[in-house]
Amino acid sequence: STNYALSVKGRFTISRDNAKDTVTLQMNSLKPEDTAV
């Protein structure tokens, strides 16, 4: 189950690979306001 901030919904996708112990955030259509750590 996933939850997204409204500001990124439709542009970002989170996924987890439990077998590889990895979580990924795919970020598309990036905007200057996405600049952050």
PDB file of all heavy atoms in Angstrom:
ATOM      1  N   SER A   1       0.842  -1.199   0.000  1.00  0.00           N
ATOM      2  CA  SER A   1       0.000   0.000   0.000  1.00  0.00           C
ATOM      3  C   SER A   1       0.874   1.244   0.000  1.00  0.00           C
ATOM      4  O   SER A   1       1.891   1.289   0.694  1.00  0.00           O
ATOM      5  CB  SER A   1      -0.909   0.008   1.229  1.00  0.00           C
ATOM      6  OG  SER A   1      -1.784  -1.102   1.200  1.00  0.00           O
ATOM      7  N   THR A   2       0.464   2.248  -0.773  1.00  0.00           N
ATOM      8  CA  THR A   2       1.283   3.446  -0.924  1.00  0.00           C
ATOM      9  C   THR A   2       0.513   4.713  -0.563  1.00  0.00           C
ATOM     10  O   THR A   2      -0.722   4.763  -0.649  1.00  0.00           O
ATOM     11  CB  THR A   2       1.788   3.588  -2.369  1.00  0.00           C
ATOM     12  OG1 THR A   2       0.660   3.608  -3.258  1.00  0.00           O
ATOM     13  CG2 THR A   2       2.691   2.439  -2.747  1.00  0.00           C
ATOM     14  N   ASN A   3       1.267   5.720  -0.143  1.00  0.00           N
ATOM     15  CA  ASN A   3       0.738   7.061   0.099  1.00  0.00           C
ATOM     16  C   ASN A   3       1.707   8.052  -0.509  1.00  0.00           C
ATOM     17  O   ASN A   3       2.927   7.857  -0.430  1.00  0.00           O
ATOM     18  CB  ASN A   3       0.592   7.350   1.600  1.00  0.00           C
ATOM     19  CG  ASN A   3      -0.443   6.483   2.265  1.00  0.00           C
ATOM     20  OD1 ASN A   3      -0.119   5.498   2.896  1.00  0.00           O
ATOM     21  ND2 ASN A   3      -1.703   6.859   2.098  1.00  0.00           N
ATOM     22  N   TYR A   4       1.162   9.120  -1.089  1.00  0.00           N
ATOM     23  CA  TYR A   4       1.996  10.146  -1.719  1.00  0.00           C
ATOM     24  C   TYR A   4       1.572  11.530  -1.250  1.00  0.00           C
ATOM     25  O   TYR A   4       0.392  11.783  -1.006  1.00  0.00           O
ATOM     26  CB  TYR A   4       1.862  10.097  -3.241  1.00  0.00           C
ATOM     27  CG  TYR A   4       2.396   8.852  -3.880  1.00  0.00           C
ATOM     28  CD1 TYR A   4       1.569   7.766  -4.122  1.00  0.00           C
ATOM     29  CD2 TYR A   4       3.738   8.758  -4.241  1.00  0.00           C
ATOM     30  CE1 TYR A   4       2.058   6.605  -4.703  1.00  0.00           C
ATOM     31  CE2 TYR A   4       4.238   7.611  -4.837  1.00  0.00           C
ATOM     32  CZ  TYR A   4       3.392   6.541  -5.063  1.00  0.00           C
ATOM     33  OH  TYR A   4       3.891   5.400  -5.645  1.00  0.00           O
ATOM     34  N   ALA A   5       2.532  12.418  -1.178  1.00  0.00           N
ATOM     35  CA  ALA A   5       2.217  13.824  -0.972  1.00  0.00           C
ATOM     36  C   ALA A   5       1.465  14.320  -2.207  1.00  0.00           C
ATOM     37  O   ALA A   5       1.755  13.890  -3.340  1.00  0.00           O
ATOM     38  CB  ALA A   5       3.495  14.633  -0.779  1.00  0.00           C
ATOM     39  N   LEU A   6       0.530  15.219  -2.004  1.00  0.00           N
ATOM     40  CA  LEU A   6      -0.252  15.724  -3.131  1.00  0.00           C
ATOM     41  C   LEU A   6       0.635  16.371  -4.191  1.00  0.00           C
ATOM     42  O   LEU A   6       0.349  16.294  -5.382  1.00  0.00           O
ATOM     43  CB  LEU A   6      -1.294  16.728  -2.629  1.00  0.00           C
ATOM     44  CG  LEU A   6      -2.491  16.139  -1.874  1.00  0.00           C
ATOM     45  CD1 LEU A   6      -3.409  17.255  -1.378  1.00  0.00           C
ATOM     46  CD2 LEU A   6      -3.270  15.175  -2.750  1.00  0.00           C
ATOM     47  N   SER A   7       1.704  16.974  -3.749  1.00  0.00           N
ATOM     48  CA  SER A   7       2.579  17.698  -4.676  1.00  0.00           C
ATOM     49  C   SER A   7       3.330  16.783  -5.637  1.00  0.00           C
ATOM     50  O   SER A   7       3.843  17.243  -6.657  1.00  0.00           O
ATOM     51  CB  SER A   7       3.577  18.552  -3.892  1.00  0.00           C
ATOM     52  OG  SER A   7       4.373  17.729  -3.048  1.00  0.00           O
ATOM     53  N   VAL A   8       3.410  15.491  -5.313  1.00  0.00           N
ATOM     54  CA  VAL A   8       4.166  14.569  -6.175  1.00  0.00           C
ATOM     55  C   VAL A   8       3.288  13.492  -6.792  1.00  0.00           C
ATOM     56  O   VAL A   8       3.755  12.730  -7.646  1.00  0.00           O
ATOM     57  CB  VAL A   8       5.328  13.903  -5.403  1.00  0.00           C
ATOM     58  CG1 VAL A   8       6.198  14.946  -4.730  1.00  0.00           C
ATOM     59  CG2 VAL A   8       4.819  12.889  -4.393  1.00  0.00           C
ATOM     60  N   LYS A   9       2.050  13.433  -6.382  1.00  0.00           N
ATOM     61  CA  LYS A   9       1.163  12.378  -6.867  1.00  0.00           C
ATOM     62  C   LYS A   9       1.036  12.461  -8.380  1.00  0.00           C
ATOM     63  O   LYS A   9       0.819  13.525  -8.950  1.00  0.00           O
ATOM     64  CB  LYS A   9      -0.208  12.509  -6.200  1.00  0.00           C
ATOM     65  CG  LYS A   9      -0.993  11.213  -6.126  1.00  0.00           C
ATOM     66  CD  LYS A   9      -2.177  11.341  -5.191  1.00  0.00           C
ATOM     67  CE  LYS A   9      -2.864  10.002  -4.985  1.00  0.00           C
ATOM     68  NZ  LYS A   9      -3.996  10.095  -4.034  1.00  0.00           N
ATOM     69  N   GLY A  10       1.194  11.302  -9.023  1.00  0.00           N
ATOM     70  CA  GLY A  10       1.123  11.264 -10.478  1.00  0.00           C
ATOM     71  C   GLY A  10       2.467  11.454 -11.158  1.00  0.00           C
ATOM     72  O   GLY A  10       2.597  11.200 -12.360  1.00  0.00           O
ATOM     73  N   ARG A  11       3.456  11.917 -10.405  1.00  0.00           N
ATOM     74  CA  ARG A  11       4.796  12.134 -10.968  1.00  0.00           C
ATOM     75  C   ARG A  11       5.832  11.181 -10.372  1.00  0.00           C
ATOM     76  O   ARG A  11       6.774  10.776 -11.052  1.00  0.00           O
ATOM     77  CB  ARG A  11       5.253  13.571 -10.719  1.00  0.00           C
ATOM     78  CG  ARG A  11       4.356  14.633 -11.330  1.00  0.00           C
ATOM     79  CD  ARG A  11       4.981  16.026 -11.216  1.00  0.00           C
ATOM     80  NE  ARG A  11       5.116  16.453  -9.830  1.00  0.00           N
ATOM     81  CZ  ARG A  11       6.274  16.812  -9.265  1.00  0.00           C
ATOM     82  NH1 ARG A  11       7.400  16.778  -9.969  1.00  0.00           N
ATOM     83  NH2 ARG A  11       6.319  17.202  -7.995  1.00  0.00           N
ATOM     84  N   PHE A  12       5.654  10.858  -9.093  1.00  0.00           N
ATOM     85  CA  PHE A  12       6.607   9.987  -8.397  1.00  0.00           C
ATOM     86  C   PHE A  12       5.961   8.621  -8.148  1.00  0.00           C
ATOM     87  O   PHE A  12       4.749   8.519  -7.926  1.00  0.00           O
ATOM     88  CB  PHE A  12       6.992  10.576  -7.047  1.00  0.00           C
ATOM     89  CG  PHE A  12       7.834  11.828  -7.118  1.00  0.00           C
ATOM     90  CD1 PHE A  12       8.031  12.518  -8.294  1.00  0.00           C
ATOM     91  CD2 PHE A  12       8.418  12.327  -5.961  1.00  0.00           C
ATOM     92  CE1 PHE A  12       8.801  13.665  -8.347  1.00  0.00           C
ATOM     93  CE2 PHE A  12       9.191  13.477  -5.981  1.00  0.00           C
ATOM     94  CZ  PHE A  12       9.378  14.146  -7.181  1.00  0.00           C
ATOM     95  N   THR A  13       6.807   7.591  -8.141  1.00  0.00           N
ATOM     96  CA  THR A  13       6.342   6.241  -7.837  1.00  0.00           C
ATOM     97  C   THR A  13       7.313   5.574  -6.880  1.00  0.00           C
ATOM     98  O   THR A  13       8.516   5.518  -7.147  1.00  0.00           O
ATOM     99  CB  THR A  13       6.233   5.390  -9.110  1.00  0.00           C
ATOM    100  OG1 THR A  13       5.343   6.017 -10.035  1.00  0.00           O
ATOM    101  CG2 THR A  13       5.699   4.003  -8.771  1.00  0.00           C
ATOM    102  N   ILE A  14       6.781   5.086  -5.769  1.00  0.00           N
ATOM    103  CA  ILE A  14       7.593   4.362  -4.806  1.00  0.00           C
ATOM    104  C   ILE A  14       7.355   2.865  -4.969  1.00  0.00           C
ATOM    105  O   ILE A  14       6.239   2.429  -5.246  1.00  0.00           O
ATOM    106  CB  ILE A  14       7.279   4.808  -3.354  1.00  0.00           C
ATOM    107  CG1 ILE A  14       8.282   4.207  -2.375  1.00  0.00           C
ATOM    108  CG2 ILE A  14       5.840   4.478  -2.965  1.00  0.00           C
ATOM    109  CD1 ILE A  14       8.175   4.774  -0.959  1.00  0.00           C
ATOM    110  N   SER A  15       8.429   2.097  -4.819  1.00  0.00           N
ATOM    111  CA  SER A  15       8.302   0.646  -4.894  1.00  0.00           C
ATOM    112  C   SER A  15       9.315   0.013  -3.943  1.00  0.00           C
ATOM    113  O   SER A  15      10.310   0.641  -3.579  1.00  0.00           O
ATOM    114  CB  SER A  15       8.527   0.165  -6.333  1.00  0.00           C
ATOM    115  OG  SER A  15       9.819   0.516  -6.785  1.00  0.00           O
ATOM    116  N   ARG A  16       9.028  -1.201  -3.542  1.00  0.00           N
ATOM    117  CA  ARG A  16       9.965  -1.902  -2.675  1.00  0.00           C
ATOM    118  C   ARG A  16      10.172  -3.307  -3.198  1.00  0.00           C
ATOM    119  O   ARG A  16       9.220  -3.969  -3.628  1.00  0.00           O
ATOM    120  CB  ARG A  16       9.501  -1.908  -1.217  1.00  0.00           C
ATOM    121  CG  ARG A  16       8.221  -2.640  -0.920  1.00  0.00           C
ATOM    122  CD  ARG A  16       7.735  -2.345   0.509  1.00  0.00           C
ATOM    123  NE  ARG A  16       8.475  -3.098   1.519  1.00  0.00           N
ATOM    124  CZ  ARG A  16       8.378  -2.872   2.832  1.00  0.00           C
ATOM    125  NH1 ARG A  16       7.598  -1.919   3.278  1.00  0.00           N
ATOM    126  NH2 ARG A  16       9.067  -3.611   3.690  1.00  0.00           N
ATOM    127  N   ASP A  17      11.411  -3.746  -3.150  1.00  0.00           N
ATOM    128  CA  ASP A  17      11.778  -5.100  -3.543  1.00  0.00           C
ATOM    129  C   ASP A  17      12.226  -5.806  -2.277  1.00  0.00           C
ATOM    130  O   ASP A  17      13.376  -5.662  -1.846  1.00  0.00           O
ATOM    131  CB  ASP A  17      12.890  -5.066  -4.594  1.00  0.00           C
ATOM    132  CG  ASP A  17      13.191  -6.436  -5.173  1.00  0.00           C
ATOM    133  OD1 ASP A  17      12.957  -7.444  -4.464  1.00  0.00           O
ATOM    134  OD2 ASP A  17      13.663  -6.503  -6.304  1.00  0.00           O
ATOM    135  N   ASN A  18      11.312  -6.543  -1.682  1.00  0.00           N
ATOM    136  CA  ASN A  18      11.622  -7.192  -0.405  1.00  0.00           C
ATOM    137  C   ASN A  18      12.723  -8.239  -0.551  1.00  0.00           C
ATOM    138  O   ASN A  18      13.454  -8.504   0.408  1.00  0.00           O
ATOM    139  CB  ASN A  18      10.353  -7.817   0.173  1.00  0.00           C
ATOM    140  CG  ASN A  18       9.340  -6.777   0.600  1.00  0.00           C
ATOM    141  OD1 ASN A  18       9.695  -5.662   0.982  1.00  0.00           O
ATOM    142  ND2 ASN A  18       8.068  -7.122   0.522  1.00  0.00           N
ATOM    143  N   ALA A  19      12.850  -8.807  -1.716  1.00  0.00           N
ATOM    144  CA  ALA A  19      13.877  -9.823  -1.921  1.00  0.00           C
ATOM    145  C   ALA A  19      15.272  -9.211  -1.987  1.00  0.00           C
ATOM    146  O   ALA A  19      16.259  -9.844  -1.588  1.00  0.00           O
ATOM    147  CB  ALA A  19      13.588 -10.598  -3.198  1.00  0.00           C
ATOM    148  N   LYS A  20      15.343  -7.959  -2.485  1.00  0.00           N
ATOM    149  CA  LYS A  20      16.634  -7.287  -2.611  1.00  0.00           C
ATOM    150  C   LYS A  20      16.856  -6.251  -1.520  1.00  0.00           C
ATOM    151  O   LYS A  20      17.888  -5.560  -1.525  1.00  0.00           O
ATOM    152  CB  LYS A  20      16.734  -6.616  -3.990  1.00  0.00           C
ATOM    153  CG  LYS A  20      16.726  -7.589  -5.146  1.00  0.00           C
ATOM    154  CD  LYS A  20      16.894  -6.863  -6.476  1.00  0.00           C
ATOM    155  CE  LYS A  20      16.929  -7.848  -7.636  1.00  0.00           C
ATOM    156  NZ  LYS A  20      17.085  -7.156  -8.948  1.00  0.00           N
ATOM    157  N   ASP A  21      15.880  -6.124  -0.599  1.00  0.00           N
ATOM    158  CA  ASP A  21      16.002  -5.167   0.506  1.00  0.00           C
ATOM    159  C   ASP A  21      16.255  -3.745  -0.004  1.00  0.00           C
ATOM    160  O   ASP A  21      17.086  -3.014   0.551  1.00  0.00           O
ATOM    161  CB  ASP A  21      17.129  -5.594   1.465  1.00  0.00           C
ATOM    162  CG  ASP A  21      16.874  -6.967   2.072  1.00  0.00           C
ATOM    163  OD1 ASP A  21      15.697  -7.318   2.265  1.00  0.00           O
ATOM    164  OD2 ASP A  21      17.859  -7.689   2.322  1.00  0.00           O
ATOM    165  N   THR A  22      15.508  -3.377  -1.021  1.00  0.00           N
ATOM    166  CA  THR A  22      15.699  -2.082  -1.654  1.00  0.00           C
ATOM    167  C   THR A  22      14.364  -1.389  -1.868  1.00  0.00           C
ATOM    168  O   THR A  22      13.373  -2.029  -2.225  1.00  0.00           O
ATOM    169  CB  THR A  22      16.410  -2.242  -3.010  1.00  0.00           C
ATOM    170  OG1 THR A  22      17.683  -2.858  -2.800  1.00  0.00           O
ATOM    171  CG2 THR A  22      16.623  -0.894  -3.684  1.00  0.00           C
ATOM    172  N   VAL A  23      14.362  -0.083  -1.645  1.00  0.00           N
ATOM    173  CA  VAL A  23      13.204   0.741  -1.935  1.00  0.00           C
ATOM    174  C   VAL A  23      13.616   1.785  -2.965  1.00  0.00           C
ATOM    175  O   VAL A  23      14.699   2.376  -2.855  1.00  0.00           O
ATOM    176  CB  VAL A  23      12.683   1.439  -0.667  1.00  0.00           C
ATOM    177  CG1 VAL A  23      11.517   2.364  -1.007  1.00  0.00           C
ATOM    178  CG2 VAL A  23      12.251   0.411   0.358  1.00  0.00           C
ATOM    179  N   THR A  24      12.767   2.004  -3.935  1.00  0.00           N
ATOM    180  CA  THR A  24      13.087   2.904  -5.037  1.00  0.00           C
ATOM    181  C   THR A  24      12.040   4.007  -5.155  1.00  0.00           C
ATOM    182  O   THR A  24      10.851   3.760  -4.918  1.00  0.00           O
ATOM    183  CB  THR A  24      13.150   2.115  -6.352  1.00  0.00           C
ATOM    184  OG1 THR A  24      14.179   1.128  -6.253  1.00  0.00           O
ATOM    185  CG2 THR A  24      13.464   3.022  -7.523  1.00  0.00           C
ATOM    186  N   LEU A  25      12.497   5.183  -5.490  1.00  0.00           N
ATOM    187  CA  LEU A  25      11.596   6.295  -5.775  1.00  0.00           C
ATOM    188  C   LEU A  25      11.888   6.778  -7.188  1.00  0.00           C
ATOM    189  O   LEU A  25      12.951   7.360  -7.435  1.00  0.00           O
ATOM    190  CB  LEU A  25      11.781   7.439  -4.777  1.00  0.00           C
ATOM    191  CG  LEU A  25      10.806   8.610  -4.935  1.00  0.00           C
ATOM    192  CD1 LEU A  25       9.388   8.175  -4.542  1.00  0.00           C
ATOM    193  CD2 LEU A  25      11.238   9.809  -4.081  1.00  0.00           C
ATOM    194  N   GLN A  26      10.968   6.530  -8.083  1.00  0.00           N
ATOM    195  CA  GLN A  26      11.089   7.003  -9.464  1.00  0.00           C
ATOM    196  C   GLN A  26      10.433   8.371  -9.540  1.00  0.00           C
ATOM    197  O   GLN A  26       9.248   8.519  -9.225  1.00  0.00           O
ATOM    198  CB  GLN A  26      10.413   6.033 -10.435  1.00  0.00           C
ATOM    199  CG  GLN A  26      10.433   6.494 -11.875  1.00  0.00           C
ATOM    200  CD  GLN A  26      11.831   6.534 -12.461  1.00  0.00           C
ATOM    201  OE1 GLN A  26      12.619   5.619 -12.236  1.00  0.00           O
ATOM    202  NE2 GLN A  26      12.136   7.587 -13.211  1.00  0.00           N
ATOM    203  N   MET A  27      11.204   9.367  -9.948  1.00  0.00           N
ATOM    204  CA  MET A  27      10.716  10.744  -9.987  1.00  0.00           C
ATOM    205  C   MET A  27      10.714  11.233 -11.428  1.00  0.00           C
ATOM    206  O   MET A  27      11.779  11.322 -12.051  1.00  0.00           O
ATOM    207  CB  MET A  27      11.605  11.637  -9.119  1.00  0.00           C
ATOM    208  CG  MET A  27      11.742  11.146  -7.691  1.00  0.00           C
ATOM    209  SD  MET A  27      12.646  12.284  -6.626  1.00  0.00           S
ATOM    210  CE  MET A  27      14.269  12.218  -7.388  1.00  0.00           C
ATOM    211  N   ASN A  28       9.543  11.535 -11.941  1.00  0.00           N
ATOM    212  CA  ASN A  28       9.386  12.029 -13.306  1.00  0.00           C
ATOM    213  C   ASN A  28       8.831  13.445 -13.288  1.00  0.00           C
ATOM    214  O   ASN A  28       8.283  13.900 -12.282  1.00  0.00           O
ATOM    215  CB  ASN A  28       8.457  11.112 -14.094  1.00  0.00           C
ATOM    216  CG  ASN A  28       8.978   9.698 -14.214  1.00  0.00           C
ATOM    217  OD1 ASN A  28      10.184   9.458 -14.291  1.00  0.00           O
ATOM    218  ND2 ASN A  28       8.062   8.741 -14.241  1.00  0.00           N
ATOM    219  N   SER A  29       8.956  14.117 -14.404  1.00  0.00           N
ATOM    220  CA  SER A  29       8.432  15.485 -14.546  1.00  0.00           C
ATOM    221  C   SER A  29       8.877  16.363 -13.393  1.00  0.00           C
ATOM    222  O   SER A  29       8.060  17.076 -12.783  1.00  0.00           O
ATOM    223  CB  SER A  29       6.897  15.458 -14.645  1.00  0.00           C
ATOM    224  OG  SER A  29       6.468  14.665 -15.718  1.00  0.00           O
ATOM    225  N   LEU A  30      10.147  16.315 -13.094  1.00  0.00           N
ATOM    226  CA  LEU A  30      10.665  17.050 -11.943  1.00  0.00           C
ATOM    227  C   LEU A  30      10.541  18.553 -12.138  1.00  0.00           C
ATOM    228  O   LEU A  30      10.658  19.081 -13.249  1.00  0.00           O
ATOM    229  CB  LEU A  30      12.116  16.662 -11.688  1.00  0.00           C
ATOM    230  CG  LEU A  30      12.294  15.302 -11.003  1.00  0.00           C
ATOM    231  CD1 LEU A  30      13.694  14.764 -11.209  1.00  0.00           C
ATOM    232  CD2 LEU A  30      11.972  15.434  -9.523  1.00  0.00           C
ATOM    233  N   LYS A  31      10.314  19.232 -11.014  1.00  0.00           N
ATOM    234  CA  LYS A  31      10.146  20.679 -10.995  1.00  0.00           C
ATOM    235  C   LYS A  31      11.201  21.291 -10.076  1.00  0.00           C
ATOM    236  O   LYS A  31      11.690  20.606  -9.159  1.00  0.00           O
ATOM    237  CB  LYS A  31       8.753  21.036 -10.476  1.00  0.00           C
ATOM    238  CG  LYS A  31       7.602  20.394 -11.222  1.00  0.00           C
ATOM    239  CD  LYS A  31       6.278  20.716 -10.544  1.00  0.00           C
ATOM    240  CE  LYS A  31       5.106  20.043 -11.270  1.00  0.00           C
ATOM    241  NZ  LYS A  31       3.810  20.341 -10.605  1.00  0.00           N
ATOM    242  N   PRO A  32      11.521  22.557 -10.271  1.00  0.00           N
ATOM    243  CA  PRO A  32      12.492  23.200  -9.368  1.00  0.00           C
ATOM    244  C   PRO A  32      12.092  23.095  -7.897  1.00  0.00           C
ATOM    245  O   PRO A  32      12.969  22.975  -7.028  1.00  0.00           O
ATOM    246  CB  PRO A  32      12.491  24.655  -9.845  1.00  0.00           C
ATOM    247  CG  PRO A  32      12.155  24.558 -11.298  1.00  0.00           C
ATOM    248  CD  PRO A  32      11.157  23.434 -11.393  1.00  0.00           C
ATOM    249  N   GLU A  33      10.804  23.099  -7.620  1.00  0.00           N
ATOM    250  CA  GLU A  33      10.361  23.009  -6.227  1.00  0.00           C
ATOM    251  C   GLU A  33      10.560  21.618  -5.631  1.00  0.00           C
ATOM    252  O   GLU A  33      10.325  21.416  -4.436  1.00  0.00           O
ATOM    253  CB  GLU A  33       8.888  23.428  -6.088  1.00  0.00           C
ATOM    254  CG  GLU A  33       7.937  22.765  -7.062  1.00  0.00           C
ATOM    255  CD  GLU A  33       7.665  23.616  -8.292  1.00  0.00           C
ATOM    256  OE1 GLU A  33       8.622  24.212  -8.850  1.00  0.00           O
ATOM    257  OE2 GLU A  33       6.485  23.679  -8.709  1.00  0.00           O
ATOM    258  N   ASP A  34      10.983  20.652  -6.434  1.00  0.00           N
ATOM    259  CA  ASP A  34      11.336  19.338  -5.907  1.00  0.00           C
ATOM    260  C   ASP A  34      12.764  19.313  -5.357  1.00  0.00           C
ATOM    261  O   ASP A  34      13.189  18.305  -4.776  1.00  0.00           O
ATOM    262  CB  ASP A  34      11.211  18.271  -7.001  1.00  0.00           C
ATOM    263  CG  ASP A  34       9.784  18.062  -7.461  1.00  0.00           C
ATOM    264  OD1 ASP A  34       8.877  18.040  -6.601  1.00  0.00           O
ATOM    265  OD2 ASP A  34       9.567  17.925  -8.682  1.00  0.00           O
ATOM    266  N   THR A  35      13.487  20.392  -5.547  1.00  0.00           N
ATOM    267  CA  THR A  35      14.853  20.471  -5.049  1.00  0.00           C
ATOM    268  C   THR A  35      14.881  20.344  -3.533  1.00  0.00           C
ATOM    269  O   THR A  35      14.193  21.079  -2.815  1.00  0.00           O
ATOM    270  CB  THR A  35      15.500  21.801  -5.459  1.00  0.00           C
ATOM    271  OG1 THR A  35      15.616  21.834  -6.885  1.00  0.00           O
ATOM    272  CG2 THR A  35      16.882  21.960  -4.839  1.00  0.00           C
ATOM    273  N   ALA A  36      15.660  19.382  -3.038  1.00  0.00           N
ATOM    274  CA  ALA A  36      15.727  19.115  -1.599  1.00  0.00           C
ATOM    275  C   ALA A  36      16.720  17.984  -1.348  1.00  0.00           C
ATOM    276  O   ALA A  36      17.203  17.348  -2.292  1.00  0.00           O
ATOM    277  CB  ALA A  36      14.354  18.717  -1.062  1.00  0.00           C
ATOM    278  N   VAL A  37      16.995  17.769  -0.085  1.00  0.00           N
ATOM    279  CA  VAL A  37      17.692  16.547   0.316  1.00  0.00           C
ATOM    280  C   VAL A  37      16.627  15.499   0.580  1.00  0.00           C
ATOM    281  O   VAL A  37      15.677  15.743   1.338  1.00  0.00           O
ATOM    282  CB  VAL A  37      18.564  16.772   1.566  1.00  0.00           C
ATOM    283  CG1 VAL A  37      19.232  15.462   1.978  1.00  0.00           C
ATOM    284  CG2 VAL A  37      19.603  17.852   1.306  1.00  0.00           C
TER     285      VAL A  37
END
